[in-house]
PDB file of N, CA and C in Angstrom:
ATOM      1  N   MET A   1     139.136  69.710 105.908  1.00  0.00           N
ATOM      2  CA  MET A   1     139.677  70.791 106.325  1.00  0.00           C
ATOM      3  C   MET A   1     138.928  72.124 106.300  1.00  0.00           C
ATOM      4  N   THR A   2     138.015  72.068 105.522  1.00  0.00           N
ATOM      5  CA  THR A   2     137.129  73.347 105.205  1.00  0.00           C
ATOM      6  C   THR A   2     136.041  73.491 106.308  1.00  0.00           C
ATOM      7  N   ASP A   3     135.589  72.356 106.798  1.00  0.00           N
ATOM      8  CA  ASP A   3     134.538  72.504 107.903  1.00  0.00           C
ATOM      9  C   ASP A   3     135.261  72.372 109.303  1.00  0.00           C
ATOM     10  N   ARG A   4     135.155  73.595 109.813  1.00  0.00           N
ATOM     11  CA  ARG A   4     135.593  73.842 111.245  1.00  0.00           C
ATOM     12  C   ARG A   4     134.433  73.607 112.182  1.00  0.00           C
ATOM     13  N   PRO A   5     134.749  72.746 113.367  1.00  0.00           N
ATOM     14  CA  PRO A   5     133.553  72.601 114.202  1.00  0.00           C
ATOM     15  C   PRO A   5     133.095  73.716 114.890  1.00  0.00           C
ATOM     16  N   ASP A   6     133.836  74.818 115.118  1.00  0.00           N
ATOM     17  CA  ASP A   6     133.534  76.001 115.723  1.00  0.00           C
ATOM     18  C   ASP A   6     132.969  77.048 114.860  1.00  0.00           C
ATOM     19  N   THR A   7     132.658  76.752 113.620  1.00  0.00           N
ATOM     20  CA  THR A   7     131.951  77.740 112.593  1.00  0.00           C
ATOM     21  C   THR A   7     130.518  77.562 112.844  1.00  0.00           C
ATOM     22  N   PRO A   8     129.840  78.769 113.188  1.00  0.00           N
ATOM     23  CA  PRO A   8     128.339  78.734 113.362  1.00  0.00           C
ATOM     24  C   PRO A   8     127.704  78.421 112.059  1.00  0.00           C
ATOM     25  N   ARG A   9     126.524  77.617 112.320  1.00  0.00           N
ATOM     26  CA  ARG A   9     125.699  77.159 111.203  1.00  0.00           C
ATOM     27  C   ARG A   9     124.311  77.614 111.361  1.00  0.00           C
ATOM     28  N   LEU A  10     123.627  78.011 110.296  1.00  0.00           N
ATOM     29  CA  LEU A  10     122.286  78.438 110.442  1.00  0.00           C
ATOM     30  C   LEU A  10     121.232  77.193 110.346  1.00  0.00           C
ATOM     31  N   THR A  11     120.200  77.173 111.161  1.00  0.00           N
ATOM     32  CA  THR A  11     119.267  76.209 111.143  1.00  0.00           C
ATOM     33  C   THR A  11     118.486  76.254 109.738  1.00  0.00           C
ATOM     34  N   ASP A  12     117.828  75.200 109.524  1.00  0.00           N
ATOM     35  CA  ASP A  12     117.213  75.212 108.128  1.00  0.00           C
ATOM     36  C   ASP A  12     116.077  76.424 108.129  1.00  0.00           C
ATOM     37  N   ARG A  13     115.495  76.654 109.216  1.00  0.00           N
ATOM     38  CA  ARG A  13     114.441  77.656 109.323  1.00  0.00           C
ATOM     39  C   ARG A  13     115.177  78.990 109.168  1.00  0.00           C
ATOM     40  N   ALA A  14     116.257  79.362 109.733  1.00  0.00           N
ATOM     41  CA  ALA A  14     117.055  80.507 109.725  1.00  0.00           C
ATOM     42  C   ALA A  14     117.604  80.710 108.206  1.00  0.00           C
ATOM     43  N   GLU A  15     118.074  79.642 107.720  1.00  0.00           N
ATOM     44  CA  GLU A  15     118.484  79.755 106.205  1.00  0.00           C
ATOM     45  C   GLU A  15     117.430  80.141 105.417  1.00  0.00           C
ATOM     46  N   ALA A  16     116.229  79.449 105.494  1.00  0.00           N
ATOM     47  CA  ALA A  16     115.139  79.799 104.624  1.00  0.00           C
ATOM     48  C   ALA A  16     114.677  81.331 104.804  1.00  0.00           C
ATOM     49  N   ALA A  17     114.646  81.860 106.039  1.00  0.00           N
ATOM     50  CA  ALA A  17     114.444  83.160 106.297  1.00  0.00           C
ATOM     51  C   ALA A  17     115.552  84.085 105.690  1.00  0.00           C
ATOM     52  N   ARG A  18     116.741  83.630 105.614  1.00  0.00           N
ATOM     53  CA  ARG A  18     117.863  84.562 105.079  1.00  0.00           C
ATOM     54  C   ARG A  18     117.664  84.579 103.568  1.00  0.00           C
ATOM     55  N   LEU A  19     117.241  83.465 102.934  1.00  0.00           N
ATOM     56  CA  LEU A  19     117.045  83.410 101.505  1.00  0.00           C
ATOM     57  C   LEU A  19     115.871  84.165 101.088  1.00  0.00           C
ATOM     58  N   ALA A  20     114.768  84.114 101.869  1.00  0.00           N
ATOM     59  CA  ALA A  20     113.541  84.926 101.616  1.00  0.00           C
ATOM     60  C   ALA A  20     113.924  86.467 101.721  1.00  0.00           C
ATOM     61  N   ARG A  21     114.647  86.822 102.666  1.00  0.00           N
ATOM     62  CA  ARG A  21     115.088  88.134 102.859  1.00  0.00           C
ATOM     63  C   ARG A  21     115.977  88.660 101.703  1.00  0.00           C
ATOM     64  N   LEU A  22     116.794  87.800 101.285  1.00  0.00           N
ATOM     65  CA  LEU A  22     117.594  88.184 100.105  1.00  0.00           C
ATOM     66  C   LEU A  22     116.820  88.328  98.832  1.00  0.00           C
ATOM     67  N   GLU A  23     115.843  87.455  98.695  1.00  0.00           N
ATOM     68  CA  GLU A  23     114.902  87.598  97.487  1.00  0.00           C
ATOM     69  C   GLU A  23     114.108  88.923  97.585  1.00  0.00           C
ATOM     70  N   ARG A  24     113.562  89.250  98.846  1.00  0.00           N
ATOM     71  CA  ARG A  24     112.799  90.486  98.793  1.00  0.00           C
ATOM     72  C   ARG A  24     113.707  91.673  98.657  1.00  0.00           C
ATOM     73  N   GLU A  25     114.980  91.705  99.121  1.00  0.00           N
ATOM     74  CA  GLU A  25     115.888  92.787  98.910  1.00  0.00           C
ATOM     75  C   GLU A  25     116.265  92.898  97.405  1.00  0.00           C
ATOM     76  N   ALA A  26     116.415  91.846  96.766  1.00  0.00           N
ATOM     77  CA  ALA A  26     116.722  91.842  95.263  1.00  0.00           C
ATOM     78  C   ALA A  26     115.615  92.374  94.490  1.00  0.00           C
ATOM     79  N   GLU A  27     114.354  91.967  94.816  1.00  0.00           N
ATOM     80  CA  GLU A  27     113.193  92.544  94.080  1.00  0.00           C
ATOM     81  C   GLU A  27     112.955  94.114  94.420  1.00  0.00           C
ATOM     82  N   ALA A  28     113.159  94.491  95.675  1.00  0.00           N
ATOM     83  CA  ALA A  28     113.219  95.874  95.951  1.00  0.00           C
ATOM     84  C   ALA A  28     114.146  96.739  95.168  1.00  0.00           C
ATOM     85  N   LEU A  29     115.521  96.210  95.036  1.00  0.00           N
ATOM     86  CA  LEU A  29     116.403  96.846  94.399  1.00  0.00           C
ATOM     87  C   LEU A  29     116.137  96.860  92.872  1.00  0.00           C
ATOM     88  N   ARG A  30     115.517  95.825  92.215  1.00  0.00           N
ATOM     89  CA  ARG A  30     115.054  95.906  90.867  1.00  0.00           C
ATOM     90  C   ARG A  30     114.016  96.966  90.752  1.00  0.00           C
ATOM     91  N   ALA A  31     113.101  97.050  91.676  1.00  0.00           N
ATOM     92  CA  ALA A  31     111.991  97.965  91.569  1.00  0.00           C
ATOM     93  C   ALA A  31     112.650  99.392  91.638  1.00  0.00           C
ATOM     94  N   ASN A  32     113.544  99.681  92.577  1.00  0.00           N
ATOM     95  CA  ASN A  32     114.097 101.012  92.652  1.00  0.00           C
ATOM     96  C   ASN A  32     114.900 101.266  91.400  1.00  0.00           C
ATOM     97  N   LEU A  33     115.587 100.418  90.870  1.00  0.00           N
ATOM     98  CA  LEU A  33     116.318 100.675  89.586  1.00  0.00           C
ATOM     99  C   LEU A  33     115.349 101.135  88.464  1.00  0.00           C
ATOM    100  N   ARG A  34     114.272 100.337  88.446  1.00  0.00           N
ATOM    101  CA  ARG A  34     113.192 100.703  87.287  1.00  0.00           C
ATOM    102  C   ARG A  34     112.519 102.097  87.583  1.00  0.00           C
ATOM    103  N   ARG A  35     112.224 102.424  88.823  1.00  0.00           N
ATOM    104  CA  ARG A  35     111.790 103.643  89.221  1.00  0.00           C
ATOM    105  C   ARG A  35     112.859 104.894  88.777  1.00  0.00           C
ATOM    106  N   ARG A  36     114.136 104.627  89.308  1.00  0.00           N
ATOM    107  CA  ARG A  36     115.134 105.604  88.970  1.00  0.00           C
ATOM    108  C   ARG A  36     115.303 105.832  87.341  1.00  0.00           C
ATOM    109  N   LYS A  37     115.194 104.704  86.633  1.00  0.00           N
ATOM    110  CA  LYS A  37     115.362 104.820  85.081  1.00  0.00           C
ATOM    111  C   LYS A  37     114.258 105.668  84.686  1.00  0.00           C
ATOM    112  N   GLN A  38     112.964 105.287  85.025  1.00  0.00           N
ATOM    113  CA  GLN A  38     111.738 106.013  84.564  1.00  0.00           C
ATOM    114  C   GLN A  38     111.961 107.458  85.000  1.00  0.00           C
ATOM    115  N   GLN A  39     112.257 107.963  86.164  1.00  0.00           N
ATOM    116  CA  GLN A  39     112.574 109.337  86.473  1.00  0.00           C
ATOM    117  C   GLN A  39     113.622 109.915  85.581  1.00  0.00           C
ATOM    118  N   SER A  40     114.608 109.177  85.325  1.00  0.00           N
ATOM    119  CA  SER A  40     115.706 109.755  84.570  1.00  0.00           C
ATOM    120  C   SER A  40     115.192 110.017  83.034  1.00  0.00           C
ATOM    121  N   ARG A  41     114.497 109.006  82.622  1.00  0.00           N
ATOM    122  CA  ARG A  41     113.841 109.344  81.211  1.00  0.00           C
ATOM    123  C   ARG A  41     112.910 110.560  81.210  1.00  0.00           C
ATOM    124  N   ALA A  42     112.049 110.644  82.286  1.00  0.00           N
ATOM    125  CA  ALA A  42     111.205 111.707  82.312  1.00  0.00           C
ATOM    126  C   ALA A  42     111.917 112.974  82.412  1.00  0.00           C
ATOM    127  N   ARG A  43     113.006 113.127  83.015  1.00  0.00           N
ATOM    128  CA  ARG A  43     113.807 114.262  83.110  1.00  0.00           C
ATOM    129  C   ARG A  43     114.467 114.679  81.725  1.00  0.00           C
ATOM    130  N   THR A  44     114.936 113.735  81.058  1.00  0.00           N
ATOM    131  CA  THR A  44     115.651 114.102  79.761  1.00  0.00           C
ATOM    132  C   THR A  44     114.737 114.151  78.599  1.00  0.00           C
ATOM    133  N   THR A  45     113.462 113.647  78.630  1.00  0.00           N
ATOM    134  CA  THR A  45     112.588 113.885  77.618  1.00  0.00           C
ATOM    135  C   THR A  45     111.894 115.311  77.557  1.00  0.00           C
ATOM    136  N   PRO A  46     112.055 116.065  76.615  1.00  0.00           N
ATOM    137  CA  PRO A  46     111.480 117.369  76.686  1.00  0.00           C
ATOM    138  C   PRO A  46     109.965 117.378  76.687  1.00  0.00           C
ATOM    139  N   PRO A  47     109.300 118.193  77.375  1.00  0.00           N
ATOM    140  CA  PRO A  47     107.838 118.178  77.387  1.00  0.00           C
ATOM    141  C   PRO A  47     107.323 118.581  76.005  1.00  0.00           C
ATOM    142  N   GLU A  48     106.274 117.972  75.612  1.00  0.00           N
ATOM    143  CA  GLU A  48     105.595 118.248  74.343  1.00  0.00           C
ATOM    144  C   GLU A  48     104.897 119.489  74.358  1.00  0.00           C
ATOM    145  N   ALA A  49     105.213 120.328  73.459  1.00  0.00           N
ATOM    146  CA  ALA A  49     104.617 121.743  73.455  1.00  0.00           C
ATOM    147  C   ALA A  49     103.213 121.650  72.617  1.00  0.00           C
ATOM    148  N   PRO A  50     102.197 122.366  72.918  1.00  0.00           N
ATOM    149  CA  PRO A  50     100.872 122.431  72.408  1.00  0.00           C
ATOM    150  C   PRO A  50     101.150 122.789  70.960  1.00  0.00           C
ATOM    151  N   PRO A  51     100.453 122.306  69.989  1.00  0.00           N
ATOM    152  CA  PRO A  51     100.573 122.713  68.614  1.00  0.00           C
ATOM    153  C   PRO A  51     100.331 124.315  68.298  1.00  0.00           C
ATOM    154  N   GLN A  52     101.148 124.911  67.548  1.00  0.00           N
ATOM    155  CA  GLN A  52     101.030 126.376  67.306  1.00  0.00           C
ATOM    156  C   GLN A  52      99.679 126.565  66.409  1.00  0.00           C
ATOM    157  N   ASP A  53      98.977 127.550  66.665  1.00  0.00           N
ATOM    158  CA  ASP A  53      97.856 127.994  65.713  1.00  0.00           C
ATOM    159  C   ASP A  53      98.508 128.998  64.804  1.00  0.00           C
ATOM    160  N   THR A  54      98.694 128.578  63.483  1.00  0.00           N
ATOM    161  CA  THR A  54      99.222 129.416  62.448  1.00  0.00           C
ATOM    162  C   THR A  54      98.247 130.055  61.438  1.00  0.00           C
ATOM    163  N   SER A  55      96.999 129.837  61.853  1.00  0.00           N
ATOM    164  CA  SER A  55      95.965 130.322  60.933  1.00  0.00           C
ATOM    165  C   SER A  55      95.751 131.875  60.886  1.00  0.00           C
ATOM    166  N   GLY A  56      96.223 132.527  61.987  1.00  0.00           N
ATOM    167  CA  GLY A  56      96.141 133.932  62.043  1.00  0.00           C
ATOM    168  C   GLY A  56      94.795 134.358  62.632  1.00  0.00           C
ATOM    169  N   ASN A  57      93.974 133.556  62.874  1.00  0.00           N
ATOM    170  CA  ASN A  57      92.525 133.861  63.267  1.00  0.00           C
ATOM    171  C   ASN A  57      92.694 133.927  64.942  1.00  0.00           C
ATOM    172  N   GLU A  58      92.254 135.039  65.536  1.00  0.00           N
ATOM    173  CA  GLU A  58      92.210 135.175  66.781  1.00  0.00           C
ATOM    174  C   GLU A  58      90.885 134.760  67.344  1.00  0.00           C
ATOM    175  N   ALA A  59      90.718 134.112  68.276  1.00  0.00           N
ATOM    176  CA  ALA A  59      89.331 133.685  68.944  1.00  0.00           C
ATOM    177  C   ALA A  59      88.833 134.533  69.932  1.00  0.00           C
TER     178      ALA A  59
END
């Protein structure tokens, strides 16, 4: 009952192309998430200030 004869089916080649596209899309999404997390961390981390010279000597 689940297989209807009028339901379109992908050929083996088309199915392989669809799976490859899904894999590429998943990898691109993971890379985008990594990049966004890195950017977020860079925004929230305060920049390191140079050490203060407390010796009182002016150069």
